[in-house]
């Protein structure tokens, strides 16, 4: 009898253990997918390496980049097969930033055959020193020279650079099936396509402080450069809207920098809490620029051109000795070349008050019939009830009506072009074009 009771209690205890721990549950659990393992970050993105390589090939051949064959789709595909990487599937990347600069980043690649990945790491050791360590009972390969770690599993591989590997790897290793973060889920559902080249979404603490909810960028290119299609979405409605057209300066051969913008700024004038206003206030305050007076007087059109040279007459004082050896000061003039400069602003009746404030703060100074804006060359100023313009030339450049809202700014002889395409209630859309001629010629060996 006691034996039967013991068997009953033993069976009951065993059943209780089964009900608590449910070991059959592990048999039904699906393994996490690569996008379940993706960590949250300020910047998240996706790319198809083969599509991106195919797109960039025409640029590489246009500039005759020496190693262009190593970036061809065929070479990338063959290397992926040799070392077990599935380069035909999209590649995911993430970046965390600090004060708008990358702080750490990672790339996750699908693995087709994990047994070949170690072969690829051994091949890398021919070109760089690679050490190994363990974290969470998983081998981590590291290149101290480049501060890059490499970790892989059955169907994934992580490349990471930064100082937060423990947190990142914890998320990657112990992810559960279908526990993808809401932001990654929305992003993957929208952009997980075979023909995607490169697209990224940006969210950060710094953006939120500026009133920006999110931003996005996608990459395309032509034969001469890269084109980044972008959008910026504010938390609140935009303080400005693009106008259909406005007065602009024509682009000329020697133009280095130019700005042609046409905004409806009526809402911005009434919203000192607007993110754009706060950003303008932050930078204009450095030179005590009277921003409130400017916005009150400005009607939203701005045209600016800098480039080439203008010859102007400069007045100076020289000490001379007369025939009796007395020193006297003589006013003379001379011809000097100054950078060509032209600025146009559409204004209203409050422009006179704005100019008075500019003079009182020393930003605008006058000498004879010439004016200077801070450290600008001597300028000819024309002021009317509807406009304010400055120019180094005696004859102010002719304006024409144009629908393009753009900024062209040269940096290290590379003209960066920013184009604003359109605006909606909370979002502004645009493009950034980056020519590659100067960048490649400075950094690539020639054939």
Protein backbone atom coordinates (compact mmCIF):
# COMPACT_ATOMS: atom_id res chain seq x y z
CA UNK A 1 0.00 0.00 0.00
CA UNK A 2 2.78 2.42 0.98
CA UNK A 3 4.54 1.53 -2.22
CA UNK A 4 1.44 2.51 -4.24
CA UNK A 5 1.10 5.80 -2.34
CA UNK A 6 4.76 6.60 -2.98
CA UNK A 7 4.31 5.97 -6.71
CA UNK A 8 1.20 8.20 -6.74
CA UNK A 9 3.04 11.06 -4.99
CA UNK A 10 6.04 10.60 -7.30
CA UNK A 11 3.81 10.73 -10.38
CA UNK A 12 2.03 13.83 -9.03
CA UNK A 13 5.36 15.57 -8.38
CA UNK A 14 6.60 14.70 -11.85
CA UNK A 15 3.38 16.02 -13.40
CA UNK A 16 3.73 19.25 -11.42
CA UNK A 17 7.31 19.69 -12.67
CA UNK A 18 6.15 19.14 -16.25
CA UNK A 19 3.34 21.66 -15.87
CA UNK A 20 5.70 24.28 -14.41
CA UNK A 21 8.65 23.95 -16.75
CA UNK A 22 6.78 22.79 -19.90
CA UNK A 23 9.80 21.26 -21.65
CA UNK A 24 7.72 20.59 -24.77
CA UNK A 25 7.46 24.34 -25.26
CA UNK A 26 11.09 24.53 -26.42
CA UNK A 27 10.33 21.95 -29.09
CA UNK A 28 7.63 24.22 -30.56
CA UNK A 29 9.62 27.48 -30.33
CA UNK A 30 10.84 28.83 -33.63
CA UNK A 31 14.38 30.17 -33.78
CA UNK A 32 14.72 33.96 -34.05
CA UNK A 33 15.17 35.44 -37.52
CA UNK A 34 17.93 37.90 -38.31
CA UNK A 35 15.60 40.87 -37.99
CA UNK A 36 14.44 39.64 -34.55
CA UNK A 37 18.06 40.10 -33.45
CA UNK A 38 18.42 43.70 -34.64
CA UNK A 39 19.17 46.14 -31.77
CA UNK A 40 17.55 49.55 -31.40
CA UNK A 41 19.70 52.51 -32.47
CA UNK A 42 19.49 56.16 -33.49
CA UNK A 43 19.97 55.21 -37.14
CA UNK A 44 18.62 51.96 -38.58
CA UNK A 45 19.00 50.93 -42.19
CA UNK A 46 18.81 48.24 -44.82
CA UNK A 47 20.71 47.60 -48.05
CA UNK A 48 20.95 45.01 -50.78
CA UNK A 49 24.68 44.80 -51.49
CA UNK A 50 24.28 43.45 -55.01
CA UNK A 51 21.76 46.11 -56.02
CA UNK A 52 23.92 48.82 -54.44
CA UNK A 53 27.04 47.51 -56.14
CA UNK A 54 25.28 47.33 -59.50
CA UNK A 55 24.10 50.91 -59.08
CA UNK A 56 27.55 52.22 -58.10
CA UNK A 57 29.38 50.35 -60.86
CA UNK A 58 28.71 53.04 -63.48
CA UNK A 59 30.14 55.68 -61.14
CA UNK A 60 33.23 53.52 -60.46
CA UNK A 61 33.85 52.99 -64.17
CA UNK A 62 33.20 56.66 -64.99
CA UNK A 63 36.01 57.69 -62.64
CA UNK A 64 38.12 54.60 -63.46
CA UNK A 65 38.46 53.62 -59.81
CA UNK A 66 41.37 51.13 -59.65
CA UNK A 67 39.64 48.49 -57.51
CA UNK A 68 36.25 48.82 -59.19
CA UNK A 69 36.23 45.12 -60.12
CA UNK A 70 36.43 44.21 -56.42
CA UNK A 71 33.15 46.07 -55.86
CA UNK A 72 31.29 44.47 -58.75
CA UNK A 73 28.18 42.36 -58.02
CA UNK A 74 29.84 39.25 -59.45
CA UNK A 75 32.89 39.51 -57.19
CA UNK A 76 30.79 40.22 -54.07
CA UNK A 77 28.52 37.25 -54.86
CA UNK A 78 31.46 34.88 -55.37
CA UNK A 79 33.16 35.98 -52.13
CA UNK A 80 29.90 35.59 -50.23
CA UNK A 81 29.53 32.00 -51.47
CA UNK A 82 33.16 31.18 -50.66
CA UNK A 83 32.83 32.33 -47.06
CA UNK A 84 29.26 31.31 -46.27
CA UNK A 85 27.59 34.74 -46.37
CA UNK A 86 24.20 35.24 -48.01
CA UNK A 87 24.85 38.53 -49.80
CA UNK A 88 21.70 38.09 -51.90
CA UNK A 89 19.59 38.80 -48.80
CA UNK A 90 19.32 42.35 -47.46
CA UNK A 91 22.00 43.56 -45.06
CA UNK A 92 20.97 45.51 -41.96
CA UNK A 93 22.96 48.26 -40.25
CA UNK A 94 22.58 50.46 -37.19
CA UNK A 95 24.37 53.55 -35.88
CA UNK A 96 24.26 55.37 -32.56
CA UNK A 97 25.33 58.99 -32.62
CA UNK A 98 26.61 61.53 -30.15
CA UNK A 99 26.22 65.23 -30.97
CA UNK A 100 25.37 64.31 -34.59
CA UNK A 101 28.58 62.24 -35.01
CA UNK A 102 28.67 58.39 -35.20
CA UNK A 103 29.47 56.89 -31.79
CA UNK A 104 29.19 53.19 -32.65
CA UNK A 105 27.83 51.14 -35.51
CA UNK A 106 27.10 47.58 -36.56
CA UNK A 107 26.23 45.52 -39.63
CA UNK A 108 24.30 42.26 -39.64
CA UNK A 109 24.57 39.86 -42.55
CA UNK A 110 22.66 36.63 -43.21
CA UNK A 111 24.77 33.47 -43.14
CA UNK A 112 24.12 30.63 -45.58
CA UNK A 113 26.80 28.19 -44.34
CA UNK A 114 28.33 28.96 -40.93
CA UNK A 115 31.03 26.31 -41.42
CA UNK A 116 32.63 28.53 -44.09
CA UNK A 117 32.63 31.74 -42.04
CA UNK A 118 35.69 30.70 -40.03
CA UNK A 119 37.49 30.18 -43.34
CA UNK A 120 36.77 33.82 -44.19
CA UNK A 121 38.10 35.01 -40.81
CA UNK A 122 41.27 32.97 -41.34
CA UNK A 123 41.62 34.66 -44.74
CA UNK A 124 41.33 38.10 -43.11
CA UNK A 125 44.23 37.22 -40.81
CA UNK A 126 46.53 37.44 -43.82
CA UNK A 127 45.83 41.19 -43.98
CA UNK A 128 45.31 42.18 -40.33
CA UNK A 129 45.87 40.88 -36.84
CA UNK A 130 42.74 39.23 -35.41
CA UNK A 131 42.44 38.17 -31.77
CA UNK A 132 39.69 36.08 -30.21
CA UNK A 133 37.87 36.20 -26.90
CA UNK A 134 34.62 34.93 -25.38
CA UNK A 135 31.48 36.75 -24.33
CA UNK A 136 28.30 34.96 -23.25
CA UNK A 137 30.13 31.68 -24.08
CA UNK A 138 30.37 32.85 -27.68
CA UNK A 139 33.62 33.43 -29.55
CA UNK A 140 34.30 37.04 -30.50
CA UNK A 141 36.92 37.88 -33.13
CA UNK A 142 38.48 41.34 -32.87
CA UNK A 143 40.74 43.57 -34.94
CA UNK A 144 42.23 46.07 -32.48
CA UNK A 145 43.70 48.03 -35.39
CA UNK A 146 40.24 48.92 -36.69
CA UNK A 147 38.32 48.41 -33.40
CA UNK A 148 35.98 45.95 -35.14
CA UNK A 149 34.47 42.81 -33.59
CA UNK A 150 33.03 39.89 -35.51
CA UNK A 151 30.57 37.36 -34.08
CA UNK A 152 28.50 34.78 -35.95
CA UNK A 153 25.87 32.13 -35.43
CA UNK A 154 24.10 29.55 -37.57
CA UNK A 155 22.34 32.06 -39.80
CA UNK A 156 23.72 35.51 -38.89
CA UNK A 157 26.96 37.45 -38.57
CA UNK A 158 27.59 40.71 -36.74
CA UNK A 159 30.29 43.27 -37.53
CA UNK A 160 30.49 45.87 -34.76
CA UNK A 161 32.62 48.91 -34.00
CA UNK A 162 32.19 50.70 -30.70
CA UNK A 163 32.40 50.28 -26.95
CA UNK A 164 29.00 48.76 -26.17
CA UNK A 165 29.46 45.21 -27.47
CA UNK A 166 28.15 43.56 -24.30
CA UNK A 167 24.72 45.20 -24.61
CA UNK A 168 24.51 44.71 -28.37
CA UNK A 169 25.56 41.06 -28.27
CA UNK A 170 23.18 40.31 -25.40
CA UNK A 171 20.30 41.49 -27.58
CA UNK A 172 21.54 39.60 -30.64
CA UNK A 173 22.21 36.27 -28.88
CA UNK A 174 19.14 36.05 -26.69
CA UNK A 175 16.51 37.36 -29.09
CA UNK A 176 13.20 35.47 -29.38
CA UNK A 177 11.19 34.68 -32.47
CA UNK A 178 8.91 37.55 -33.49
CA UNK A 179 10.22 39.89 -30.76
CA UNK A 180 11.41 42.42 -33.33
CA UNK A 181 11.15 45.98 -31.98
CA UNK A 182 8.15 48.04 -33.22
CA UNK A 183 10.41 50.52 -35.03
CA UNK A 184 12.40 47.82 -36.80
CA UNK A 185 9.16 45.94 -37.61
CA UNK A 186 7.63 48.98 -39.32
CA UNK A 187 10.90 49.72 -41.12
CA UNK A 188 11.44 46.12 -42.33
CA UNK A 189 7.83 45.77 -43.49
CA UNK A 190 8.20 48.94 -45.54
CA UNK A 191 11.66 48.44 -47.04
CA UNK A 192 12.45 44.69 -47.01
CA UNK A 193 12.56 44.37 -50.78
CA UNK A 194 14.94 42.56 -53.07
CA UNK A 195 15.73 45.67 -55.13
CA UNK A 196 16.44 48.08 -52.26
CA UNK A 197 19.79 49.85 -52.59
CA UNK A 198 20.21 51.66 -49.29
CA UNK A 199 17.69 53.34 -47.03
CA UNK A 200 17.93 54.54 -43.42
CA UNK A 201 15.70 56.00 -40.72
CA UNK A 202 17.00 58.48 -38.12
CA UNK A 203 15.66 59.19 -34.64
CA UNK A 204 17.69 60.59 -31.76
CA UNK A 205 17.59 62.58 -28.53
CA UNK A 206 19.21 65.54 -30.31
CA UNK A 207 16.48 65.43 -32.97
CA UNK A 208 13.74 65.44 -30.34
CA UNK A 209 15.32 68.46 -28.65
CA UNK A 210 15.04 70.23 -32.02
CA UNK A 211 11.39 69.19 -32.38
CA UNK A 212 12.16 66.61 -35.09
CA UNK A 213 10.26 63.34 -34.86
CA UNK A 214 12.26 61.44 -37.48
CA UNK A 215 14.23 61.71 -40.67
CA UNK A 216 14.94 59.35 -43.53
CA UNK A 217 17.43 59.00 -46.34
CA UNK A 218 17.78 56.71 -49.36
CA UNK A 219 20.71 56.45 -51.73
CA UNK A 220 20.83 56.56 -55.51
CA UNK A 221 23.47 57.79 -57.94
CA UNK A 222 24.31 58.89 -61.43
CA UNK A 223 27.63 58.48 -63.21
CA UNK A 224 29.26 61.46 -61.48
CA UNK A 225 28.05 61.34 -57.88
CA UNK A 226 25.74 60.20 -55.11
CA UNK A 227 22.18 61.42 -54.57
CA UNK A 228 20.60 61.23 -51.11
CA UNK A 229 16.81 61.56 -51.13
CA UNK A 230 15.74 62.78 -47.70
CA UNK A 231 12.81 63.81 -45.55
CA UNK A 232 12.56 65.48 -42.15
CA UNK A 233 9.38 65.11 -40.12
CA UNK A 234 8.64 67.47 -37.25
CA UNK A 235 6.66 66.65 -34.12
CA UNK A 236 4.50 69.73 -34.74
CA UNK A 237 3.47 71.38 -37.99
CA UNK A 238 6.14 73.17 -40.01
CA UNK A 239 6.66 76.88 -39.44
CA UNK A 240 7.45 77.45 -43.12
CA UNK A 241 6.05 76.19 -46.41
CA UNK A 242 7.71 76.29 -49.83
CA UNK A 243 6.41 78.80 -52.34
CA UNK A 244 5.93 77.82 -55.96
CA UNK A 245 8.52 80.35 -57.19
CA UNK A 246 10.48 83.47 -56.32
CA UNK A 247 13.32 85.80 -57.39
CA UNK A 248 16.65 83.99 -57.84
CA UNK A 249 20.19 84.52 -59.09
CA UNK A 250 21.23 82.46 -62.08
CA UNK A 251 24.02 79.93 -61.65
CA UNK A 252 27.15 81.13 -63.47
CA UNK A 253 30.46 79.55 -64.38
CA UNK A 254 32.41 80.95 -61.43
CA UNK A 255 29.69 80.52 -58.81
CA UNK A 256 31.13 78.92 -55.66
CA UNK A 257 28.21 79.32 -53.27
CA UNK A 258 24.61 80.15 -53.96
CA UNK A 259 21.27 80.10 -52.15
CA UNK A 260 17.83 80.51 -53.72
CA UNK A 261 14.99 79.95 -51.24
CA UNK A 262 11.32 80.94 -51.38
CA UNK A 263 9.28 80.42 -48.21
CA UNK A 264 5.94 81.41 -46.79
CA UNK A 265 7.11 82.53 -43.33
CA UNK A 266 3.88 84.00 -41.91
CA UNK A 267 3.41 81.10 -39.50
CA UNK A 268 7.04 81.20 -38.37
CA UNK A 269 6.72 84.87 -37.40
CA UNK A 270 3.95 83.99 -34.95
CA UNK A 271 5.62 80.91 -33.42
CA UNK A 272 8.74 81.69 -31.37
CA UNK A 273 8.63 78.12 -30.04
CA UNK A 274 9.00 76.59 -33.52
CA UNK A 275 12.08 74.31 -33.85
CA UNK A 276 13.32 76.27 -36.88
CA UNK A 277 13.01 79.54 -34.95
CA UNK A 278 14.89 78.05 -31.99
CA UNK A 279 17.65 76.81 -34.29
CA UNK A 280 17.95 80.21 -35.95
CA UNK A 281 17.94 81.89 -32.55
CA UNK A 282 20.75 79.66 -31.31
CA UNK A 283 23.15 80.54 -34.13
CA UNK A 284 22.10 84.15 -34.74
CA UNK A 285 22.67 84.90 -31.06
CA UNK A 286 26.39 84.30 -31.50
CA UNK A 287 26.70 87.59 -33.41
CA UNK A 288 23.76 89.36 -31.71
CA UNK A 289 21.80 89.24 -34.97
CA UNK A 290 18.35 90.89 -34.47
CA UNK A 291 16.37 87.80 -35.50
CA UNK A 292 12.94 89.04 -34.37
CA UNK A 293 13.33 92.28 -36.31
CA UNK A 294 14.52 90.33 -39.34
CA UNK A 295 11.55 87.94 -39.33
CA UNK A 296 9.15 90.85 -38.90
CA UNK A 297 10.60 92.54 -41.99
CA UNK A 298 11.37 89.48 -44.17
CA UNK A 299 8.84 88.24 -46.74
CA UNK A 300 10.46 84.82 -47.29
CA UNK A 301 12.64 85.17 -50.43
CA UNK A 302 16.42 84.90 -50.17
CA UNK A 303 18.87 84.90 -53.08
CA UNK A 304 22.62 84.79 -52.55
CA UNK A 305 25.58 84.32 -54.86
CA UNK A 306 29.32 84.26 -54.21
CA UNK A 307 31.97 83.57 -56.81
CA UNK A 308 34.46 85.14 -59.17
CA UNK A 309 36.01 88.54 -58.46
CA UNK A 310 34.93 92.15 -58.74
CA UNK A 311 37.25 95.15 -59.01
CA UNK A 312 36.33 97.91 -56.55
CA UNK A 313 37.88 101.20 -55.52
CA UNK A 314 39.22 101.14 -51.98
CA UNK A 315 39.91 104.36 -50.08
CA UNK A 316 42.89 104.50 -47.73
CA UNK A 317 44.96 107.13 -45.90
CA UNK A 318 48.69 107.45 -46.43
CA UNK A 319 51.19 109.64 -44.55
CA UNK A 320 53.40 111.74 -46.83
CA UNK A 321 56.21 114.25 -46.37
CA UNK A 322 55.86 117.58 -48.15
CA UNK A 323 58.81 119.66 -49.45
CA UNK A 324 59.24 121.16 -45.97
CA UNK A 325 59.39 117.67 -44.42
CA UNK A 326 56.04 118.09 -42.73
CA UNK A 327 53.94 114.93 -42.34
CA UNK A 328 50.46 115.10 -43.76
CA UNK A 329 47.76 112.51 -44.25
CA UNK A 330 46.53 112.09 -47.81
CA UNK A 331 43.38 110.21 -48.80
CA UNK A 332 43.94 107.98 -51.81
CA UNK A 333 42.12 105.24 -53.63
CA UNK A 334 43.25 102.09 -55.35
CA UNK A 335 41.71 99.26 -57.34
CA UNK A 336 41.47 95.94 -55.52
CA UNK A 337 39.90 92.62 -56.40
CA UNK A 338 37.33 91.24 -53.97
CA UNK A 339 35.20 88.08 -54.09
CA UNK A 340 32.01 88.59 -56.06
CA UNK A 341 29.07 88.86 -53.66
CA UNK A 342 25.34 89.47 -54.15
CA UNK A 343 22.48 89.18 -51.67
CA UNK A 344 18.76 89.82 -52.17
CA UNK A 345 15.97 89.71 -49.56
CA UNK A 346 12.28 90.35 -50.14
CA UNK A 347 11.17 92.77 -47.42
CA UNK A 348 8.23 94.82 -46.17
CA UNK A 349 7.78 98.18 -44.45
CA UNK A 350 9.61 97.07 -41.29
CA UNK A 351 12.93 96.76 -43.14
CA UNK A 352 14.09 100.24 -42.03
CA UNK A 353 13.76 99.21 -38.38
CA UNK A 354 15.70 96.03 -39.13
CA UNK A 355 18.54 98.01 -40.75
CA UNK A 356 18.67 100.37 -37.77
CA UNK A 357 19.06 97.40 -35.44
CA UNK A 358 21.80 95.96 -37.67
CA UNK A 359 23.70 99.26 -37.46
CA UNK A 360 23.26 99.61 -33.70
CA UNK A 361 24.74 96.13 -33.16
CA UNK A 362 27.68 96.80 -35.49
CA UNK A 363 26.70 94.10 -37.97
CA UNK A 364 26.05 96.68 -40.69
CA UNK A 365 28.55 99.54 -41.01
CA UNK A 366 28.68 102.35 -43.54
CA UNK A 367 31.56 104.27 -45.04
CA UNK A 368 30.58 106.89 -47.57
CA UNK A 369 28.23 105.30 -50.04
CA UNK A 370 29.46 101.78 -49.23
CA UNK A 371 28.22 99.26 -46.66
CA UNK A 372 29.77 96.23 -44.97
CA UNK A 373 28.14 93.21 -43.37
CA UNK A 374 30.54 92.18 -40.61
CA UNK A 375 33.76 91.29 -42.49
CA UNK A 376 32.36 91.44 -46.01
CA UNK A 377 34.02 93.50 -48.76
CA UNK A 378 32.57 96.98 -49.44
CA UNK A 379 29.05 96.59 -50.80
CA UNK A 380 26.58 98.70 -52.71
CA UNK A 381 23.22 98.62 -50.93
CA UNK A 382 19.81 99.22 -52.48
CA UNK A 383 16.88 99.52 -50.10
CA UNK A 384 13.23 99.83 -51.15
CA UNK A 385 9.83 99.16 -49.60
CA UNK A 386 9.81 95.60 -51.01
CA UNK A 387 13.44 94.51 -51.09
CA UNK A 388 16.95 94.84 -49.71
CA UNK A 389 20.01 93.95 -51.78
CA UNK A 390 23.78 94.12 -51.43
CA UNK A 391 26.39 93.67 -54.15
CA UNK A 392 30.12 94.15 -54.67
CA UNK A 393 29.33 95.23 -58.22
CA UNK A 394 28.14 98.74 -59.11
CA UNK A 395 25.44 97.11 -61.21
CA UNK A 396 23.29 94.72 -59.21
CA UNK A 397 22.82 91.33 -60.78
CA UNK A 398 19.56 90.70 -62.54
CA UNK A 399 17.10 88.39 -60.80
CA UNK A 400 14.80 85.95 -62.56
CA UNK A 401 11.72 84.07 -61.39
CA UNK A 402 12.52 80.42 -60.58
CA UNK A 403 10.68 77.56 -58.88
CA UNK A 404 13.83 75.81 -57.63
CA UNK A 405 14.63 76.00 -53.91
CA UNK A 406 18.29 75.09 -53.61
CA UNK A 407 21.59 75.67 -51.86
CA UNK A 408 24.93 75.10 -53.59
CA UNK A 409 27.88 75.21 -51.21
CA UNK A 410 31.48 74.38 -52.08
CA UNK A 411 33.59 72.54 -49.52
CA UNK A 412 37.18 71.65 -50.37
CA UNK A 413 36.40 72.29 -54.07
CA UNK A 414 33.43 69.91 -53.95
CA UNK A 415 30.06 71.57 -54.72
CA UNK A 416 27.40 70.11 -52.40
CA UNK A 417 23.90 70.70 -53.70
CA UNK A 418 20.83 70.75 -51.42
CA UNK A 419 17.42 70.84 -53.08
CA UNK A 420 14.10 71.30 -51.26
CA UNK A 421 11.43 69.52 -53.29
CA UNK A 422 8.21 70.01 -51.34
CA UNK A 423 6.59 70.40 -47.93
CA UNK A 424 3.54 68.92 -46.26
CA UNK A 425 1.96 69.85 -42.94
CA UNK A 426 4.80 68.32 -40.86
CA UNK A 427 7.40 67.11 -43.36
CA UNK A 428 9.92 68.65 -45.70
CA UNK A 429 11.29 66.61 -48.61
CA UNK A 430 14.54 67.16 -50.48
CA UNK A 431 17.72 65.83 -52.03
CA UNK A 432 21.44 66.18 -51.42
CA UNK A 433 23.81 65.66 -54.34
CA UNK A 434 27.47 64.83 -53.66
CA UNK A 435 29.85 64.87 -56.67
CA UNK A 436 32.68 62.35 -56.25
CA UNK A 437 35.37 63.67 -58.62
CA UNK A 438 37.42 65.57 -56.02
CA UNK A 439 36.84 63.02 -53.23
CA UNK A 440 37.99 60.09 -55.37
CA UNK A 441 40.94 61.91 -56.91
CA UNK A 442 42.21 62.83 -53.42
CA UNK A 443 41.82 59.36 -51.91
CA UNK A 444 42.27 56.81 -54.67
CA UNK A 445 45.52 55.71 -56.32
CA UNK A 446 45.58 56.32 -60.04
CA UNK A 447 46.01 53.55 -62.58
